[in-house]
Amino acid sequence: MGPSLLQEKILVLNKYYQAVQIITLQRAICHLVKGTAKVITPDWTTHTFEEWIKISQFYENGKSSEFKFIKSPSISLLVPDAVYLPYYESLPQNEVIFSRQNLFLRDQFTCQYCGKVLKNPKERTIDHVIPKSRGGKTVWTNVVLCCKKCNLKKGNKTPEEAGLKLLKLPKTPRWQALILEEFPKHKKDKWKVFLNFAGILTD
């Protein structure tokens, strides 16, 4: 089995069909083999590991380049987009741990004052909207990603005093929406039906 393909990301749904986490294909296969998970397709049909092997054979015979397969000497498995854990009762995580990386994801690697996309990590700084010297706290609603130029201009002032305006008010992110920022559009499109059901994405 290809090591890189084993790291492919798979969406996990709990017994209530809610998206609760994202795991690697390798871990998903372990769940499927043990029988603790089933593959779930966009039409909400679930399949056991044995059933999915047969479905994989059908799609592989079609010779379509649209699908990815993970192969071993004995089987060829169509890479699923999501798995369903019928006995997993945990609910979606609500709280997002505050960290630099999570902040960058929430703000989409964009300076929240000038709108510049900060591709170079050295360009990124963290700004307290209400300065710490004035009682501002390091919390989601008071911290934004900021380029060095805007941070220097703002200094120890409020945005209004510095003549700056926030692109949007900082909010506490939802973990599902936040983690999806890490994934390309084609991956989110494949998960769309499940995420819309959970109220994470809207058309």
C-alpha atoms as a PDB file:
ATOM      1  CA  MET A   1       0.000   0.000   0.000  1.00  0.00           C
ATOM      2  CA  GLY A   2       1.305   3.445  -0.869  1.00  0.00           C
ATOM      3  CA  PRO A   3       2.436   5.284   2.277  1.00  0.00           C
ATOM      4  CA  SER A   4       1.267   8.689   1.040  1.00  0.00           C
ATOM      5  CA  LEU A   5      -2.204   7.426   0.122  1.00  0.00           C
ATOM      6  CA  LEU A   6      -2.550   5.889   3.584  1.00  0.00           C
ATOM      7  CA  GLN A   7      -2.415   9.453   4.928  1.00  0.00           C
ATOM      8  CA  GLU A   8      -5.431  10.488   2.816  1.00  0.00           C
ATOM      9  CA  LYS A   9      -7.993  12.239   5.028  1.00  0.00           C
ATOM     10  CA  ILE A  10     -11.334  10.567   5.695  1.00  0.00           C
ATOM     11  CA  LEU A  11     -14.373  12.199   7.314  1.00  0.00           C
ATOM     12  CA  VAL A  12     -15.839  10.399  10.343  1.00  0.00           C
ATOM     13  CA  LEU A  13     -19.555  10.406  11.201  1.00  0.00           C
ATOM     14  CA  ASN A  14     -20.861   9.312  14.600  1.00  0.00           C
ATOM     15  CA  LYS A  15     -23.945   7.117  15.183  1.00  0.00           C
ATOM     16  CA  TYR A  16     -26.127  10.214  14.749  1.00  0.00           C
ATOM     17  CA  TYR A  17     -24.596  10.896  11.299  1.00  0.00           C
ATOM     18  CA  GLN A  18     -22.802  13.996  12.586  1.00  0.00           C
ATOM     19  CA  ALA A  19     -19.296  14.846  11.353  1.00  0.00           C
ATOM     20  CA  VAL A  20     -17.069  14.520  14.412  1.00  0.00           C
ATOM     21  CA  GLN A  21     -13.483  14.252  13.205  1.00  0.00           C
ATOM     22  CA  ILE A  22     -11.104  13.618  10.339  1.00  0.00           C
ATOM     23  CA  ILE A  23      -8.762  10.632  10.348  1.00  0.00           C
ATOM     24  CA  THR A  24      -6.233   9.042   8.003  1.00  0.00           C
ATOM     25  CA  LEU A  25      -7.155   6.335   5.526  1.00  0.00           C
ATOM     26  CA  GLN A  26      -4.868   3.971   7.431  1.00  0.00           C
ATOM     27  CA  ARG A  27      -6.892   4.435  10.618  1.00  0.00           C
ATOM     28  CA  ALA A  28     -10.176   4.208   8.707  1.00  0.00           C
ATOM     29  CA  ILE A  29      -9.129   0.863   7.210  1.00  0.00           C
ATOM     30  CA  CYS A  30      -8.323  -0.429  10.712  1.00  0.00           C
ATOM     31  CA  HIS A  31     -11.857   0.482  11.814  1.00  0.00           C
ATOM     32  CA  LEU A  32     -13.348  -1.163   8.718  1.00  0.00           C
ATOM     33  CA  VAL A  33     -11.383  -4.384   9.189  1.00  0.00           C
ATOM     34  CA  LYS A  34     -12.376  -4.577  12.880  1.00  0.00           C
ATOM     35  CA  GLY A  35     -16.010  -3.951  11.994  1.00  0.00           C
ATOM     36  CA  THR A  36     -16.283  -0.790  14.095  1.00  0.00           C
ATOM     37  CA  ALA A  37     -16.924   1.345  11.011  1.00  0.00           C
ATOM     38  CA  LYS A  38     -18.702   1.182   7.673  1.00  0.00           C
ATOM     39  CA  VAL A  39     -18.062   3.134   4.498  1.00  0.00           C
ATOM     40  CA  ILE A  40     -20.792   5.718   3.916  1.00  0.00           C
ATOM     41  CA  THR A  41     -21.509   7.151   0.469  1.00  0.00           C
ATOM     42  CA  PRO A  42     -23.181  10.470  -0.472  1.00  0.00           C
ATOM     43  CA  ASP A  43     -26.558   8.729  -0.854  1.00  0.00           C
ATOM     44  CA  TRP A  44     -26.242   7.729   2.845  1.00  0.00           C
ATOM     45  CA  THR A  45     -25.818   4.035   2.034  1.00  0.00           C
ATOM     46  CA  THR A  46     -23.446   2.202   4.378  1.00  0.00           C
ATOM     47  CA  HIS A  47     -21.205  -0.730   3.458  1.00  0.00           C
ATOM     48  CA  THR A  48     -19.209  -3.228   5.486  1.00  0.00           C
ATOM     49  CA  PHE A  49     -15.556  -3.847   4.664  1.00  0.00           C
ATOM     50  CA  GLU A  50     -16.428  -7.003   2.703  1.00  0.00           C
ATOM     51  CA  GLU A  51     -19.148  -5.194   0.753  1.00  0.00           C
ATOM     52  CA  TRP A  52     -16.777  -2.329  -0.028  1.00  0.00           C
ATOM     53  CA  ILE A  53     -14.186  -4.728  -1.427  1.00  0.00           C
ATOM     54  CA  LYS A  54     -16.774  -6.000  -3.929  1.00  0.00           C
ATOM     55  CA  ILE A  55     -17.833  -2.456  -4.827  1.00  0.00           C
ATOM     56  CA  SER A  56     -14.162  -1.558  -5.293  1.00  0.00           C
ATOM     57  CA  GLN A  57     -13.721  -4.409  -7.767  1.00  0.00           C
ATOM     58  CA  PHE A  58     -16.662  -3.125  -9.792  1.00  0.00           C
ATOM     59  CA  TYR A  59     -15.237   0.415  -9.992  1.00  0.00           C
ATOM     60  CA  GLU A  60     -11.719  -0.799 -10.720  1.00  0.00           C
ATOM     61  CA  ASN A  61     -12.988  -2.826 -13.677  1.00  0.00           C
ATOM     62  CA  GLY A  62     -14.446   0.404 -15.030  1.00  0.00           C
ATOM     63  CA  LYS A  63     -10.876   1.707 -15.443  1.00  0.00           C
ATOM     64  CA  SER A  64     -11.899   5.250 -14.503  1.00  0.00           C
ATOM     65  CA  SER A  65      -9.101   7.610 -13.479  1.00  0.00           C
ATOM     66  CA  GLU A  66     -11.614   9.489 -11.340  1.00  0.00           C
ATOM     67  CA  PHE A  67     -11.163   7.095  -8.406  1.00  0.00           C
ATOM     68  CA  LYS A  68      -8.247   6.353  -6.096  1.00  0.00           C
ATOM     69  CA  PHE A  69      -7.406   2.814  -5.031  1.00  0.00           C
ATOM     70  CA  ILE A  70      -5.227   1.560  -2.213  1.00  0.00           C
ATOM     71  CA  LYS A  71      -3.713  -1.801  -3.123  1.00  0.00           C
ATOM     72  CA  SER A  72      -2.136  -4.759  -1.353  1.00  0.00           C
ATOM     73  CA  PRO A  73      -1.097  -8.144  -2.794  1.00  0.00           C
ATOM     74  CA  SER A  74      -4.556  -9.539  -2.008  1.00  0.00           C
ATOM     75  CA  ILE A  75      -7.048  -6.681  -2.436  1.00  0.00           C
ATOM     76  CA  SER A  76      -7.638  -3.377  -4.176  1.00  0.00           C
ATOM     77  CA  LEU A  77      -9.742  -0.944  -2.165  1.00  0.00           C
ATOM     78  CA  LEU A  78     -11.522   2.141  -3.451  1.00  0.00           C
ATOM     79  CA  VAL A  79     -10.568   5.039  -1.169  1.00  0.00           C
ATOM     80  CA  PRO A  80     -13.766   6.153   0.605  1.00  0.00           C
ATOM     81  CA  ASP A  81     -14.601   9.776   1.351  1.00  0.00           C
ATOM     82  CA  ALA A  82     -16.235   9.091   4.711  1.00  0.00           C
ATOM     83  CA  VAL A  83     -16.830   6.364   7.269  1.00  0.00           C
ATOM     84  CA  TYR A  84     -19.727   5.859   9.654  1.00  0.00           C
ATOM     85  CA  LEU A  85     -19.141   4.613  13.210  1.00  0.00           C
ATOM     86  CA  PRO A  86     -22.496   3.121  14.310  1.00  0.00           C
ATOM     87  CA  TYR A  87     -21.408   2.695  17.938  1.00  0.00           C
ATOM     88  CA  TYR A  88     -19.591   6.012  18.357  1.00  0.00           C
ATOM     89  CA  GLU A  89     -21.711   8.350  20.479  1.00  0.00           C
ATOM     90  CA  SER A  90     -19.341  11.297  20.973  1.00  0.00           C
ATOM     91  CA  LEU A  91     -20.781  14.588  19.786  1.00  0.00           C
ATOM     92  CA  PRO A  92     -18.980  17.150  17.603  1.00  0.00           C
ATOM     93  CA  GLN A  93     -16.328  19.094  19.443  1.00  0.00           C
ATOM     94  CA  ASN A  94     -17.345  22.690  20.049  1.00  0.00           C
ATOM     95  CA  GLU A  95     -14.320  24.303  21.656  1.00  0.00           C
ATOM     96  CA  VAL A  96     -11.293  25.148  19.537  1.00  0.00           C
ATOM     97  CA  ILE A  97      -7.983  25.378  21.358  1.00  0.00           C
ATOM     98  CA  PHE A  98      -6.388  28.780  20.903  1.00  0.00           C
ATOM     99  CA  SER A  99      -3.065  28.497  19.085  1.00  0.00           C
ATOM    100  CA  ARG A 100      -1.121  30.399  16.444  1.00  0.00           C
ATOM    101  CA  GLN A 101      -1.888  27.812  13.762  1.00  0.00           C
ATOM    102  CA  ASN A 102      -5.599  27.758  14.576  1.00  0.00           C
ATOM    103  CA  LEU A 103      -5.661  31.553  14.476  1.00  0.00           C
ATOM    104  CA  PHE A 104      -3.990  31.543  11.057  1.00  0.00           C
ATOM    105  CA  LEU A 105      -6.563  29.031   9.828  1.00  0.00           C
ATOM    106  CA  ARG A 106      -9.481  31.054  11.180  1.00  0.00           C
ATOM    107  CA  ASP A 107      -8.198  34.208   9.491  1.00  0.00           C
ATOM    108  CA  GLN A 108      -7.281  32.267   6.321  1.00  0.00           C
ATOM    109  CA  PHE A 109      -3.663  33.420   6.468  1.00  0.00           C
ATOM    110  CA  THR A 110      -4.846  36.957   5.685  1.00  0.00           C
ATOM    111  CA  CYS A 111      -3.978  40.205   7.467  1.00  0.00           C
ATOM    112  CA  GLN A 112      -7.204  41.313   9.096  1.00  0.00           C
ATOM    113  CA  TYR A 113      -6.449  44.985   8.457  1.00  0.00           C
ATOM    114  CA  CYS A 114      -5.089  45.310   4.919  1.00  0.00           C
ATOM    115  CA  GLY A 115      -6.277  42.004   3.441  1.00  0.00           C
ATOM    116  CA  LYS A 116      -2.850  40.830   2.298  1.00  0.00           C
ATOM    117  CA  VAL A 117      -2.463  37.041   2.080  1.00  0.00           C
ATOM    118  CA  LEU A 118       0.563  36.164   4.197  1.00  0.00           C
ATOM    119  CA  LYS A 119       2.166  33.169   2.482  1.00  0.00           C
ATOM    120  CA  ASN A 120       5.521  33.736   4.161  1.00  0.00           C
ATOM    121  CA  PRO A 121       5.414  32.726   7.863  1.00  0.00           C
ATOM    122  CA  LYS A 122       7.887  35.515   8.629  1.00  0.00           C
ATOM    123  CA  GLU A 123       5.268  38.078   7.563  1.00  0.00           C
ATOM    124  CA  ARG A 124       2.714  36.889  10.132  1.00  0.00           C
ATOM    125  CA  THR A 125       2.218  38.542  13.496  1.00  0.00           C
ATOM    126  CA  ILE A 126      -0.536  38.343  16.084  1.00  0.00           C
ATOM    127  CA  ASP A 127      -2.296  41.544  17.071  1.00  0.00           C
ATOM    128  CA  HIS A 128      -4.417  42.245  20.127  1.00  0.00           C
ATOM    129  CA  VAL A 129      -7.294  44.434  18.912  1.00  0.00           C
ATOM    130  CA  ILE A 130      -7.503  45.991  22.362  1.00  0.00           C
ATOM    131  CA  PRO A 131      -3.824  46.188  23.362  1.00  0.00           C
ATOM    132  CA  LYS A 132      -2.660  44.044  26.273  1.00  0.00           C
ATOM    133  CA  SER A 133      -1.413  47.188  27.999  1.00  0.00           C
ATOM    134  CA  ARG A 134      -5.023  48.382  28.092  1.00  0.00           C
ATOM    135  CA  GLY A 135      -6.403  45.188  29.507  1.00  0.00           C
ATOM    136  CA  GLY A 136      -6.903  43.320  26.245  1.00  0.00           C
ATOM    137  CA  LYS A 137      -6.848  39.555  26.659  1.00  0.00           C
ATOM    138  CA  THR A 138      -5.433  36.793  24.502  1.00  0.00           C
ATOM    139  CA  VAL A 139      -8.789  35.333  23.491  1.00  0.00           C
ATOM    140  CA  TRP A 140     -10.386  34.535  20.131  1.00  0.00           C
ATOM    141  CA  THR A 141     -12.519  37.684  20.157  1.00  0.00           C
ATOM    142  CA  ASN A 142      -9.570  40.026  20.735  1.00  0.00           C
ATOM    143  CA  VAL A 143      -6.793  38.550  18.592  1.00  0.00           C
ATOM    144  CA  VAL A 144      -6.251  38.657  14.828  1.00  0.00           C
ATOM    145  CA  LEU A 145      -3.629  37.763  12.261  1.00  0.00           C
ATOM    146  CA  CYS A 146      -1.768  40.857  11.155  1.00  0.00           C
ATOM    147  CA  CYS A 147       1.076  41.680   8.767  1.00  0.00           C
ATOM    148  CA  LYS A 148       4.183  43.341  10.171  1.00  0.00           C
ATOM    149  CA  LYS A 149       3.460  46.629   8.412  1.00  0.00           C
ATOM    150  CA  CYS A 150      -0.037  46.966   9.907  1.00  0.00           C
ATOM    151  CA  ASN A 151       1.174  45.796  13.302  1.00  0.00           C
ATOM    152  CA  LEU A 152       3.853  48.465  13.294  1.00  0.00           C
ATOM    153  CA  LYS A 153       1.311  51.108  12.284  1.00  0.00           C
ATOM    154  CA  LYS A 154      -1.143  50.040  14.973  1.00  0.00           C
ATOM    155  CA  GLY A 155       1.390  49.790  17.757  1.00  0.00           C
ATOM    156  CA  ASN A 156      -0.178  50.277  21.186  1.00  0.00           C
ATOM    157  CA  LYS A 157      -3.389  51.775  19.806  1.00  0.00           C
ATOM    158  CA  THR A 158      -6.892  50.623  19.036  1.00  0.00           C
ATOM    159  CA  PRO A 159      -7.698  50.147  15.327  1.00  0.00           C
ATOM    160  CA  GLU A 160      -9.707  53.386  15.358  1.00  0.00           C
ATOM    161  CA  GLU A 161      -6.830  55.370  16.865  1.00  0.00           C
ATOM    162  CA  ALA A 162      -4.420  53.940  14.280  1.00  0.00           C
ATOM    163  CA  GLY A 163      -6.750  54.636  11.356  1.00  0.00           C
ATOM    164  CA  LEU A 164      -7.202  50.936  10.653  1.00  0.00           C
ATOM    165  CA  LYS A 165     -10.366  48.935  10.116  1.00  0.00           C
ATOM    166  CA  LEU A 166     -10.861  45.228  10.705  1.00  0.00           C
ATOM    167  CA  LEU A 167     -12.010  43.173   7.711  1.00  0.00           C
ATOM    168  CA  LYS A 168     -14.370  41.368  10.092  1.00  0.00           C
ATOM    169  CA  LEU A 169     -14.888  41.129  13.830  1.00  0.00           C
ATOM    170  CA  PRO A 170     -12.875  38.281  15.364  1.00  0.00           C
ATOM    171  CA  LYS A 171     -15.001  35.365  16.564  1.00  0.00           C
ATOM    172  CA  THR A 172     -14.492  32.030  18.258  1.00  0.00           C
ATOM    173  CA  PRO A 173     -14.333  29.508  15.390  1.00  0.00           C
ATOM    174  CA  ARG A 174     -16.266  26.268  15.122  1.00  0.00           C
ATOM    175  CA  TRP A 175     -13.852  23.365  14.917  1.00  0.00           C
ATOM    176  CA  GLN A 176     -15.503  21.776  11.872  1.00  0.00           C
ATOM    177  CA  ALA A 177     -15.358  24.951   9.804  1.00  0.00           C
ATOM    178  CA  LEU A 178     -11.836  25.699  11.043  1.00  0.00           C
ATOM    179  CA  ILE A 179     -10.329  22.335  10.219  1.00  0.00           C
ATOM    180  CA  LEU A 180     -11.838  22.419   6.741  1.00  0.00           C
ATOM    181  CA  GLU A 181      -9.685  25.446   5.919  1.00  0.00           C
ATOM    182  CA  GLU A 182      -6.793  22.994   5.661  1.00  0.00           C
ATOM    183  CA  PHE A 183      -8.394  21.037   2.835  1.00  0.00           C
ATOM    184  CA  PRO A 184      -8.695  21.837  -0.890  1.00  0.00           C
ATOM    185  CA  LYS A 185     -12.059  22.519  -2.521  1.00  0.00           C
ATOM    186  CA  HIS A 186     -12.330  19.100  -4.183  1.00  0.00           C
ATOM    187  CA  LYS A 187     -12.101  17.415  -0.777  1.00  0.00           C
ATOM    188  CA  LYS A 188     -14.747  19.692   0.759  1.00  0.00           C
ATOM    189  CA  ASP A 189     -16.990  19.086  -2.264  1.00  0.00           C
ATOM    190  CA  LYS A 190     -16.876  15.341  -1.607  1.00  0.00           C
ATOM    191  CA  TRP A 191     -17.818  15.890   2.038  1.00  0.00           C
ATOM    192  CA  LYS A 192     -20.446  18.525   1.240  1.00  0.00           C
ATOM    193  CA  VAL A 193     -23.549  16.361   1.661  1.00  0.00           C
ATOM    194  CA  PHE A 194     -22.436  15.239   5.126  1.00  0.00           C
ATOM    195  CA  LEU A 195     -21.365  18.710   6.238  1.00  0.00           C
ATOM    196  CA  ASN A 196     -24.572  20.323   5.001  1.00  0.00           C
ATOM    197  CA  PHE A 197     -26.515  17.762   7.036  1.00  0.00           C
ATOM    198  CA  ALA A 198     -24.564  18.860  10.104  1.00  0.00           C
ATOM    199  CA  GLY A 199     -25.104  22.547   9.329  1.00  0.00           C
ATOM    200  CA  ILE A 200     -21.398  23.166   8.780  1.00  0.00           C
ATOM    201  CA  LEU A 201     -21.637  24.197   5.131  1.00  0.00           C
ATOM    202  CA  THR A 202     -24.464  25.913   3.314  1.00  0.00           C
ATOM    203  CA  ASP A 203     -25.070  26.319  -0.400  1.00  0.00           C
END
